Amino acid sequence: MKATENTEATAKAGIGLAGLSVAEAGRQIGSGEITPSALLEAVFARIDAVDGVIYSYLRMDRDAARENAVASDKRAASGTLLGPLDGIPFAVKDNIYTAGMETTGGSRVPQSHDPDMTATLVTRLKAAGAILVGKLNTWEYGTGTGAVHFDLDAPPSRNPWNTAHFTGGSSTGSAAAVAAGTALFSIGTDTGGSVRLPAAACGLVGLKATFGRISRHGVMPNCWSFDTPGPLALSTEDTALIYDVIAGFDEADPVSLSVPVEPTLPGLKDGVKDLKIGFVRNLDPCGVAPEPAILDALAKSAAMFAALGAEVVEIDLPIAPSEYRSIAMPINRAESFSIHERDYLEHRHLMGRSLREKLEMGMYLRAADYLAALRQRRALVARTDEIFAKVDVLLLPMTYRVAPPIHDNPAVISYTAGSAGSPFSLSGHPALALPAGFSPEGLPLSVQLAAGFRNEALLMRAAWALEQVLTPNPMRAEPQHVLSIATRAEG
């Protein structure tokens, strides 16, 4: 379908129920205002209207989703809903295994995982009544060099706020779907920022929980000492609803934390008057500063925290974010090659350039460099954790610029490599990307918050308070935003 035809179809369909937040949709299902089946059909209409331009999905199972929606309808009618996610349509990144629906990691390389396996987090969401719609676009294997080469079978996802621009990576479809309303929420994976980065690019909340807090069982590995699944959602409340369902110990995951999970919803709206916020100032030693719009969003966020009663103090990380990344990359590359060596040796001709080049970097990495990075990491984790004895929450950028044009590869690589996601991927602390309005060009702005180990409840409490004054009415991308630029480009 041409972009002009898509524009007309989308204008007729509108976003409708697909524009609801998870929390509001759940409330309306509970009150009988809408049914899960009606909500699901609105999401399908949204997919039909816009996914030919944003490319959020790789595959769907509409029949299974409809069967599950009918079951949810019956529970709603009888007053036996399973919880606030019952009847809510969601989708997952295509490196998360789902029995009955193929998992390819966005790759042509044949996959050998158990086709009957379902990731623990998907099992938990289904047990809560959430309705799986399909599998979302991703960088191949959920990793790469940061470049987009347009050499995979599926076109790369596009940013719904401006389809000429990048979604962030690697959870590309996970962000595009939630921003555009082709899913009410999604699950991505975060190794070096791959939930938070696309959330920032597409104006969403993206959570990387404490390492080991959300089970990785049934998730295609990328870098076993960093990988963390996480939700992308429209709001902090939505994020809390999802996190409280999927977090918790799983004996099938060898790094899963057995410490009890503190629910995030009960204290979500408790405010920040008793909190100390650390405003991070040492962003980069090389003089590469965030763009003015992002600096303004950070300054505004700090001022808002202070106005809400928090104590805001300036603070430095042990080293700048780019230096965390320089330690993280040898570990990431070496572990990725170790995991995917056989695929590389047997099927590299089927791989896209970005995955192939990343694995080759790992192949030629010296063991001495990997071990040196591990030693540096151990010391740095301790030094980073010491900060949270001084402050409750850190405030810093997630990205240093707004999402660049997707065809500008140097800018795309710079956007990915120049983010501030690495510190908490390396340390394992929980961190969250929070929408902070829009740039003068209409592209989303974002800030990042981080907290101490297992302090997701505190982190989201701070995020909710800031969200109420920063972006109190989060919205999905409207049809004209999704398609108008693509239409002009086609013309």
Protein backbone atom coordinates (compact mmCIF):
# COMPACT_ATOMS: atom_id res chain seq x y z
CA MET A 1 0.00 0.00 0.00
CA LYS A 2 1.31 3.44 -0.90
CA ALA A 3 1.90 6.01 1.80
CA THR A 4 -0.91 8.21 0.44
CA GLU A 5 -3.38 5.32 0.65
CA ASN A 6 -2.15 4.52 4.14
CA THR A 7 -2.69 8.14 5.16
CA GLU A 8 -6.34 8.02 4.10
CA ALA A 9 -6.92 4.69 5.84
CA THR A 10 -5.33 5.93 9.03
CA ALA A 11 -7.25 9.18 9.04
CA LYS A 12 -10.51 7.21 8.79
CA ALA A 13 -9.52 4.73 11.50
CA GLY A 14 -8.02 7.18 13.99
CA ILE A 15 -6.24 5.92 17.05
CA GLY A 16 -9.38 5.36 19.14
CA LEU A 17 -9.10 2.87 21.97
CA ALA A 18 -5.53 2.03 20.92
CA GLY A 19 -4.56 5.43 22.32
CA LEU A 20 -5.51 4.50 25.88
CA SER A 21 -2.83 3.93 28.48
CA VAL A 22 -2.62 0.48 30.04
CA ALA A 23 -3.93 1.85 33.31
CA GLU A 24 -6.92 3.60 31.74
CA ALA A 25 -7.76 0.65 29.48
CA GLY A 26 -7.68 -1.61 32.53
CA ARG A 27 -9.99 0.70 34.44
CA GLN A 28 -12.45 0.83 31.53
CA ILE A 29 -12.43 -2.95 31.16
CA GLY A 30 -13.04 -3.30 34.88
CA SER A 31 -15.96 -0.87 34.81
CA GLY A 32 -17.52 -2.45 31.75
CA GLU A 33 -17.08 0.63 29.55
CA ILE A 34 -15.13 -1.38 26.98
CA THR A 35 -14.48 -5.06 26.38
CA PRO A 36 -11.10 -6.70 25.79
CA SER A 37 -12.28 -7.80 22.34
CA ALA A 38 -13.17 -4.22 21.39
CA LEU A 39 -9.78 -3.03 22.60
CA LEU A 40 -7.99 -5.76 20.65
CA GLU A 41 -9.88 -4.94 17.46
CA ALA A 42 -8.92 -1.27 17.88
CA VAL A 43 -5.29 -2.32 18.09
CA PHE A 44 -5.66 -4.48 14.98
CA ALA A 45 -7.22 -1.53 13.15
CA ARG A 46 -4.30 0.61 14.22
CA ILE A 47 -1.83 -2.01 12.98
CA ASP A 48 -3.60 -2.19 9.63
CA ALA A 49 -3.57 1.58 9.34
CA VAL A 50 0.03 2.41 10.23
CA ASP A 51 2.30 -0.62 10.40
CA GLY A 52 2.94 -0.48 6.68
CA VAL A 53 4.94 2.66 7.45
CA ILE A 54 6.41 2.15 10.94
CA TYR A 55 7.21 -1.61 10.56
CA SER A 56 6.77 -2.45 14.23
CA TYR A 57 5.78 -6.12 13.76
CA LEU A 58 7.53 -9.10 12.23
CA ARG A 59 4.64 -11.53 12.81
CA MET A 60 1.31 -11.83 14.60
CA ASP A 61 -1.20 -14.48 15.62
CA ARG A 62 -4.53 -12.71 15.40
CA ASP A 63 -6.60 -15.85 15.86
CA ALA A 64 -4.93 -16.77 19.15
CA ALA A 65 -5.17 -13.16 20.35
CA ARG A 66 -8.89 -13.07 19.57
CA GLU A 67 -9.48 -16.35 21.43
CA ASN A 68 -7.71 -14.93 24.48
CA ALA A 69 -9.70 -11.70 24.24
CA VAL A 70 -12.98 -13.65 24.26
CA ALA A 71 -11.84 -15.48 27.41
CA SER A 72 -11.02 -12.12 28.97
CA ASP A 73 -14.44 -10.79 27.93
CA LYS A 74 -16.06 -13.60 29.90
CA ARG A 75 -13.96 -12.90 32.99
CA ALA A 76 -14.82 -9.21 32.78
CA ALA A 77 -18.53 -9.97 32.44
CA SER A 78 -18.45 -12.28 35.45
CA GLY A 79 -16.35 -9.97 37.62
CA THR A 80 -13.43 -12.39 37.77
CA LEU A 81 -10.68 -10.42 36.00
CA LEU A 82 -7.19 -11.65 36.78
CA GLY A 83 -5.85 -8.17 37.47
CA PRO A 84 -5.26 -4.78 35.85
CA LEU A 85 -3.52 -6.30 32.81
CA ASP A 86 -6.39 -8.67 31.98
CA GLY A 87 -7.47 -7.96 28.42
CA ILE A 88 -4.56 -5.62 27.59
CA PRO A 89 -2.89 -6.27 24.17
CA PHE A 90 0.90 -6.42 24.23
CA ALA A 91 3.77 -7.61 22.04
CA VAL A 92 7.35 -8.71 22.60
CA LYS A 93 10.67 -8.23 20.88
CA ASP A 94 11.52 -11.06 18.51
CA ASN A 95 14.34 -12.35 20.71
CA ILE A 96 11.83 -13.43 23.38
CA TYR A 97 10.61 -16.99 22.91
CA THR A 98 6.91 -17.70 22.48
CA ALA A 99 5.58 -21.22 21.95
CA GLY A 100 3.42 -21.40 18.87
CA MET A 101 4.85 -18.20 17.41
CA GLU A 102 8.24 -18.32 15.72
CA THR A 103 11.21 -16.50 17.25
CA THR A 104 13.90 -15.49 14.76
CA GLY A 105 15.77 -12.63 16.40
CA GLY A 106 15.03 -10.66 13.24
CA SER A 107 17.50 -12.86 11.38
CA ARG A 108 17.73 -15.15 8.35
CA VAL A 109 19.99 -17.47 10.35
CA PRO A 110 18.13 -20.71 11.21
CA GLN A 111 17.28 -20.80 14.94
CA SER A 112 17.60 -23.99 16.96
CA HIS A 113 15.83 -23.10 20.21
CA ASP A 114 12.95 -25.18 21.55
CA PRO A 115 9.84 -24.14 19.57
CA ASP A 116 7.69 -25.05 22.58
CA MET A 117 9.54 -22.68 24.90
CA THR A 118 7.83 -19.60 26.29
CA ALA A 119 9.82 -17.00 28.18
CA THR A 120 8.98 -16.78 31.87
CA LEU A 121 8.01 -13.12 31.55
CA VAL A 122 5.52 -13.96 28.77
CA THR A 123 4.07 -16.78 30.89
CA ARG A 124 3.60 -14.34 33.77
CA LEU A 125 1.92 -11.75 31.57
CA LYS A 126 -0.44 -14.33 30.08
CA ALA A 127 -1.26 -15.60 33.56
CA ALA A 128 -2.27 -12.03 34.40
CA GLY A 129 -4.63 -12.03 31.40
CA ALA A 130 -2.56 -9.85 29.06
CA ILE A 131 -3.10 -10.70 25.38
CA LEU A 132 -0.05 -11.43 23.21
CA VAL A 133 -0.49 -9.96 19.74
CA GLY A 134 2.84 -10.73 18.10
CA LYS A 135 6.59 -10.41 17.74
CA LEU A 136 8.25 -7.05 17.23
CA ASN A 137 10.99 -5.83 14.95
CA THR A 138 14.53 -5.72 16.31
CA TRP A 139 18.12 -5.32 15.36
CA GLU A 140 19.33 -8.78 14.37
CA TYR A 141 19.77 -10.90 17.53
CA GLY A 142 18.99 -7.71 19.44
CA THR A 143 22.49 -6.38 18.91
CA GLY A 144 24.89 -4.85 16.39
CA THR A 145 27.33 -2.00 15.87
CA GLY A 146 24.73 0.76 16.08
CA ALA A 147 24.58 1.17 12.31
CA VAL A 148 21.47 0.54 10.18
CA HIS A 149 22.33 -0.99 6.81
CA PHE A 150 18.86 -1.84 5.41
CA ASP A 151 20.09 -5.34 4.55
CA LEU A 152 17.70 -7.52 6.57
CA ASP A 153 14.51 -9.10 5.24
CA ALA A 154 12.27 -6.72 7.20
CA PRO A 155 12.62 -2.94 6.83
CA PRO A 156 13.87 -1.26 10.01
CA SER A 157 11.23 0.22 12.30
CA ARG A 158 10.55 3.94 11.96
CA ASN A 159 9.99 6.56 14.61
CA PRO A 160 6.22 7.24 14.77
CA TRP A 161 6.77 10.90 15.60
CA ASN A 162 8.71 11.34 12.35
CA THR A 163 9.08 8.34 10.09
CA ALA A 164 12.22 9.75 8.52
CA HIS A 165 13.95 9.32 11.88
CA PHE A 166 15.54 6.53 13.90
CA THR A 167 13.68 4.62 16.63
CA GLY A 168 16.76 3.94 18.71
CA GLY A 169 17.97 0.35 19.07
CA SER A 170 17.89 -2.47 19.52
CA SER A 171 14.27 -2.78 20.69
CA THR A 172 13.14 -0.89 17.61
CA GLY A 173 9.70 -2.37 17.05
CA SER A 174 9.05 -2.43 20.79
CA ALA A 175 9.27 1.36 20.88
CA ALA A 176 7.53 2.03 17.57
CA ALA A 177 4.58 -0.17 18.54
CA VAL A 178 3.90 1.52 21.86
CA ALA A 179 4.45 5.04 20.52
CA ALA A 180 2.02 4.44 17.66
CA GLY A 181 -0.53 2.31 19.51
CA THR A 182 0.00 -0.95 17.63
CA ALA A 183 0.43 -2.44 21.12
CA LEU A 184 -0.54 -0.90 24.46
CA PHE A 185 2.77 -2.00 25.93
CA SER A 186 5.75 -4.05 24.87
CA ILE A 187 8.71 -5.94 26.28
CA GLY A 188 12.20 -5.33 24.94
CA THR A 189 15.67 -6.26 26.14
CA ASP A 190 18.37 -3.94 27.44
CA THR A 191 22.06 -4.87 27.17
CA GLY A 192 23.67 -1.46 26.80
CA GLY A 193 20.55 0.68 26.75
CA SER A 194 18.36 -1.15 24.25
CA VAL A 195 15.11 -0.53 26.14
CA ARG A 196 15.92 2.96 27.38
CA LEU A 197 17.41 4.22 24.11
CA PRO A 198 14.37 3.51 21.89
CA ALA A 199 12.08 4.67 24.68
CA ALA A 200 13.94 7.99 24.66
CA ALA A 201 13.79 8.24 20.87
CA CYS A 202 10.05 7.55 20.74
CA GLY A 203 8.84 9.45 23.81
CA LEU A 204 8.14 6.52 26.13
CA VAL A 205 8.98 5.23 29.58
CA GLY A 206 11.56 2.44 29.31
CA LEU A 207 12.74 0.51 32.37
CA LYS A 208 15.94 -1.47 32.85
CA ALA A 209 15.43 -3.18 36.18
CA THR A 210 18.16 -4.33 38.56
CA PHE A 211 20.19 -7.08 36.88
CA GLY A 212 18.54 -10.39 37.76
CA ARG A 213 15.24 -8.88 38.87
CA ILE A 214 13.30 -9.88 35.70
CA SER A 215 13.82 -13.43 34.47
CA ARG A 216 15.81 -13.99 31.27
CA HIS A 217 14.63 -17.58 30.89
CA GLY A 218 13.41 -17.93 27.33
CA VAL A 219 15.21 -14.83 26.06
CA MET A 220 17.80 -15.15 23.29
CA PRO A 221 21.12 -14.19 24.91
CA ASN A 222 23.28 -11.35 23.68
CA CYS A 223 25.68 -10.59 26.54
CA TRP A 224 24.97 -12.77 29.57
CA SER A 225 26.40 -10.42 32.18
CA PHE A 226 24.36 -7.41 30.96
CA ASP A 227 21.10 -8.71 29.38
CA THR A 228 17.96 -7.48 31.13
CA PRO A 229 14.40 -7.64 29.73
CA GLY A 230 12.21 -4.64 30.42
CA PRO A 231 8.91 -2.92 29.61
CA LEU A 232 8.26 0.02 27.30
CA ALA A 233 5.07 1.88 28.11
CA LEU A 234 3.23 5.17 27.76
CA SER A 235 3.49 6.19 31.40
CA THR A 236 5.16 5.42 34.71
CA GLU A 237 1.92 3.97 36.07
CA ASP A 238 1.74 1.59 33.10
CA THR A 239 5.36 0.61 33.72
CA ALA A 240 4.65 -0.13 37.37
CA LEU A 241 1.65 -2.31 36.46
CA ILE A 242 3.79 -4.36 34.08
CA TYR A 243 6.87 -4.57 36.31
CA ASP A 244 4.87 -5.81 39.29
CA VAL A 245 3.70 -8.76 37.18
CA ILE A 246 6.96 -9.80 35.52
CA ALA A 247 9.52 -9.15 38.29
CA GLY A 248 10.51 -11.87 40.71
CA PHE A 249 12.64 -14.94 41.26
CA ASP A 250 12.75 -17.66 38.61
CA GLU A 251 14.70 -20.82 39.32
CA ALA A 252 15.05 -21.38 35.56
CA ASP A 253 17.29 -18.30 35.33
CA PRO A 254 20.66 -18.87 37.02
CA VAL A 255 21.20 -15.15 37.73
CA SER A 256 17.67 -14.49 38.99
CA LEU A 257 17.57 -12.66 42.33
CA SER A 258 15.88 -14.56 45.14
CA VAL A 259 15.35 -11.40 47.22
CA PRO A 260 11.62 -10.57 47.49
CA VAL A 261 10.32 -7.90 45.12
CA GLU A 262 8.97 -4.66 46.57
CA PRO A 263 5.78 -3.83 44.61
CA THR A 264 5.98 -0.45 42.90
CA LEU A 265 2.30 0.47 42.71
CA PRO A 266 1.47 0.97 46.43
CA GLY A 267 3.94 3.84 46.90
CA LEU A 268 3.98 5.15 43.35
CA LYS A 269 2.26 8.44 44.21
CA ASP A 270 3.97 9.13 47.55
CA GLY A 271 5.93 12.11 46.24
CA VAL A 272 9.60 13.08 46.56
CA LYS A 273 9.72 15.41 49.57
CA ASP A 274 12.00 13.06 51.50
CA LEU A 275 14.31 12.27 48.57
CA LYS A 276 17.74 13.57 47.61
CA ILE A 277 18.24 13.82 43.85
CA GLY A 278 21.78 13.73 42.45
CA PHE A 279 22.05 15.89 39.32
CA VAL A 280 24.94 14.37 37.36
CA ARG A 281 27.31 16.97 35.93
CA ASN A 282 30.37 15.09 34.57
CA LEU A 283 28.77 13.98 31.33
CA ASP A 284 31.78 13.67 29.04
CA PRO A 285 35.49 14.44 29.41
CA CYS A 286 35.92 15.11 25.69
CA GLY A 287 33.67 18.15 25.58
CA VAL A 288 30.81 16.41 23.75
CA ALA A 289 27.84 17.98 25.48
CA PRO A 290 24.16 17.12 25.08
CA GLU A 291 22.16 19.23 22.66
CA PRO A 292 20.65 22.42 24.10
CA ALA A 293 17.10 21.01 24.12
CA ILE A 294 18.23 18.05 26.24
CA LEU A 295 20.23 20.27 28.59
CA ASP A 296 17.13 22.42 28.98
CA ALA A 297 15.02 19.34 29.77
CA LEU A 298 17.53 18.26 32.42
CA ALA A 299 17.64 21.70 34.02
CA LYS A 300 13.85 21.88 33.99
CA SER A 301 13.65 18.41 35.58
CA ALA A 302 16.06 19.38 38.35
CA ALA A 303 14.06 22.54 39.03
CA MET A 304 10.81 20.58 39.11
CA PHE A 305 12.22 18.06 41.58
CA ALA A 306 13.23 20.96 43.81
CA ALA A 307 9.79 22.56 43.48
CA LEU A 308 8.22 19.25 44.51
CA GLY A 309 10.24 19.32 47.75
CA ALA A 310 13.18 17.07 46.90
CA GLU A 311 16.71 18.12 47.75
CA VAL A 312 18.69 18.46 44.50
CA VAL A 313 22.48 18.31 44.69
CA GLU A 314 25.10 18.28 41.96
CA ILE A 315 27.11 15.08 41.84
CA ASP A 316 29.69 13.33 39.67
CA LEU A 317 29.73 9.72 38.54
CA PRO A 318 33.04 7.98 39.28
CA ILE A 319 33.86 8.39 35.57
CA ALA A 320 31.97 9.92 32.66
CA PRO A 321 29.31 7.83 30.83
CA SER A 322 31.51 7.41 27.75
CA GLU A 323 34.23 5.87 29.93
CA TYR A 324 31.75 3.32 31.30
CA ARG A 325 31.01 2.42 27.71
CA SER A 326 34.69 1.92 26.90
CA ILE A 327 34.84 -0.69 29.67
CA ALA A 328 31.51 -2.28 28.74
CA MET A 329 32.22 -2.81 25.05
CA PRO A 330 35.02 -5.41 25.31
CA ILE A 331 32.83 -7.44 27.67
CA ASN A 332 29.80 -7.10 25.43
CA ARG A 333 31.62 -8.05 22.23
CA ALA A 334 33.52 -10.98 23.72
CA GLU A 335 30.44 -12.49 25.35
CA SER A 336 28.33 -12.01 22.21
CA PHE A 337 30.85 -13.84 20.06
CA SER A 338 31.17 -16.62 22.63
CA ILE A 339 27.39 -17.10 22.56
CA HIS A 340 26.96 -16.89 18.78
CA GLU A 341 30.26 -18.32 17.52
CA ARG A 342 28.67 -21.35 15.87
CA ASP A 343 26.09 -19.23 14.09
CA TYR A 344 28.84 -16.93 12.85
CA LEU A 345 31.07 -19.76 11.62
CA GLU A 346 28.25 -21.63 9.88
CA HIS A 347 25.85 -18.89 8.76
CA ARG A 348 27.65 -15.55 8.62
CA HIS A 349 26.69 -15.28 4.94
CA LEU A 350 23.07 -15.01 6.11
CA MET A 351 23.76 -12.31 8.70
CA GLY A 352 23.29 -8.62 8.19
CA ARG A 353 26.38 -6.47 8.17
CA SER A 354 25.87 -4.92 11.61
CA LEU A 355 25.61 -8.24 13.48
CA ARG A 356 28.44 -9.80 11.47
CA GLU A 357 30.79 -6.89 12.15
CA LYS A 358 29.99 -6.86 15.86
CA LEU A 359 30.71 -10.58 16.18
CA GLU A 360 33.97 -10.14 14.31
CA MET A 361 35.01 -7.48 16.81
CA GLY A 362 34.43 -10.03 19.54
CA MET A 363 36.26 -12.75 17.64
CA TYR A 364 39.46 -10.71 17.41
CA LEU A 365 39.29 -9.34 20.96
CA ARG A 366 42.17 -10.48 23.18
CA ALA A 367 41.39 -12.48 26.31
CA ALA A 368 43.65 -10.06 28.20
CA ASP A 369 41.42 -7.14 27.21
CA TYR A 370 38.28 -8.97 28.27
CA LEU A 371 39.76 -9.87 31.65
CA ALA A 372 41.08 -6.37 32.19
CA ALA A 373 37.61 -4.97 31.51
CA LEU A 374 36.09 -7.42 34.01
CA ARG A 375 38.54 -6.27 36.69
CA GLN A 376 37.78 -2.62 35.95
CA ARG A 377 34.09 -3.38 36.05
CA ARG A 378 34.22 -4.95 39.49
CA ALA A 379 35.86 -1.89 41.00
CA LEU A 380 33.58 0.49 39.13
CA VAL A 381 30.39 -1.25 40.26
CA ALA A 382 31.40 -0.72 43.88
CA ARG A 383 32.27 2.94 43.28
CA THR A 384 28.98 3.51 41.45
CA ASP A 385 27.00 1.87 44.21
CA GLU A 386 28.61 4.15 46.79
CA ILE A 387 26.80 7.08 45.17
CA PHE A 388 23.47 5.72 46.36
CA ALA A 389 24.61 6.08 49.96
CA LYS A 390 24.71 9.84 49.26
CA VAL A 391 21.62 10.31 47.07
CA ASP A 392 18.41 8.38 46.46
CA VAL A 393 18.02 8.93 42.73
CA LEU A 394 20.31 10.16 39.95
CA LEU A 395 19.17 12.53 37.20
CA LEU A 396 21.15 12.54 33.94
CA PRO A 397 20.58 12.35 30.17
CA MET A 398 19.59 9.17 28.42
CA THR A 399 20.70 10.46 25.04
CA TYR A 400 22.83 13.45 24.11
CA ARG A 401 20.73 14.34 21.07
CA VAL A 402 17.27 13.75 19.65
CA ALA A 403 16.65 10.83 17.30
CA PRO A 404 18.55 11.45 14.04
CA PRO A 405 17.45 10.74 10.45
CA ILE A 406 17.52 6.99 9.94
CA HIS A 407 19.52 7.21 6.69
CA ASP A 408 22.30 9.24 8.34
CA ASN A 409 24.43 6.34 9.57
CA PRO A 410 27.16 8.40 11.26
CA ALA A 411 24.46 10.25 13.20
CA VAL A 412 22.68 6.98 14.06
CA ILE A 413 25.92 5.46 15.37
CA SER A 414 26.70 8.66 17.28
CA TYR A 415 23.21 8.65 18.80
CA THR A 416 23.62 5.09 20.03
CA ALA A 417 27.24 5.33 21.18
CA GLY A 418 26.75 8.78 22.67
CA SER A 419 24.01 7.79 25.08
CA ALA A 420 24.37 7.65 28.85
CA GLY A 421 22.90 4.17 29.21
CA SER A 422 26.16 2.29 29.76
CA PRO A 423 26.81 3.21 33.43
CA PHE A 424 23.83 1.23 34.70
CA SER A 425 24.14 -1.60 32.19
CA LEU A 426 27.68 -2.08 33.46
CA SER A 427 26.81 -1.70 37.15
CA GLY A 428 23.45 -3.51 37.10
CA HIS A 429 21.56 -0.69 38.86
CA PRO A 430 17.96 0.03 37.82
CA ALA A 431 17.48 2.94 35.43
CA LEU A 432 14.58 4.45 33.56
CA ALA A 433 14.12 6.67 30.51
CA LEU A 434 11.38 9.25 31.08
CA PRO A 435 9.76 11.47 28.42
CA ALA A 436 10.58 15.17 28.83
CA GLY A 437 8.54 16.85 26.10
CA PHE A 438 9.56 17.60 22.54
CA SER A 439 12.33 19.43 20.73
CA PRO A 440 11.56 22.45 18.53
CA GLU A 441 11.50 20.01 15.59
CA GLY A 442 8.79 17.91 17.26
CA LEU A 443 11.01 14.97 18.27
CA PRO A 444 10.79 13.44 21.76
CA LEU A 445 13.13 14.52 24.54
CA SER A 446 14.03 12.27 27.45
CA VAL A 447 15.85 12.23 30.76
CA GLN A 448 17.20 9.26 32.69
CA LEU A 449 16.74 8.38 36.36
CA ALA A 450 18.67 5.70 38.24
CA ALA A 451 18.49 4.27 41.78
CA GLY A 452 20.22 1.79 44.06
CA PHE A 453 20.08 -1.97 43.67
CA ARG A 454 16.53 -3.38 43.92
CA ASN A 455 15.08 0.11 44.46
CA GLU A 456 12.69 0.02 41.51
CA ALA A 457 9.84 1.22 43.74
CA LEU A 458 11.79 4.32 44.73
CA LEU A 459 12.91 4.88 41.14
CA MET A 460 9.39 4.78 39.75
CA ARG A 461 8.06 6.89 42.60
CA ALA A 462 10.50 9.64 41.59
CA ALA A 463 9.65 9.14 37.92
CA TRP A 464 5.90 9.39 38.58
CA ALA A 465 6.32 12.64 40.52
CA LEU A 466 8.43 14.20 37.78
CA GLU A 467 6.10 12.94 35.06
CA GLN A 468 3.12 14.73 36.64
CA VAL A 469 4.72 18.12 36.06
CA LEU A 470 6.90 17.33 33.04
CA THR A 471 4.51 15.35 30.81
CA PRO A 472 1.24 14.94 32.76
CA ASN A 473 -0.77 13.78 29.74
CA PRO A 474 1.38 11.33 27.76
CA MET A 475 0.03 10.58 24.30
CA ARG A 476 0.73 8.18 21.50
CA ALA A 477 1.70 9.50 18.10
CA GLU A 478 -1.37 10.65 16.19
CA PRO A 479 -1.98 9.46 12.60
CA GLN A 480 -0.82 12.68 10.96
CA HIS A 481 2.45 12.49 12.89
CA VAL A 482 2.93 8.88 11.85
CA LEU A 483 2.34 9.30 8.17
CA SER A 484 2.58 12.89 7.00
CA ILE A 485 6.35 12.93 6.55
CA ALA A 486 6.35 9.59 4.73
CA THR A 487 3.65 10.95 2.45
CA ARG A 488 5.67 14.05 1.63
CA ALA A 489 8.77 11.94 1.03
CA GLU A 490 6.87 9.69 -1.38
CA GLY A 491 5.55 12.71 -3.23
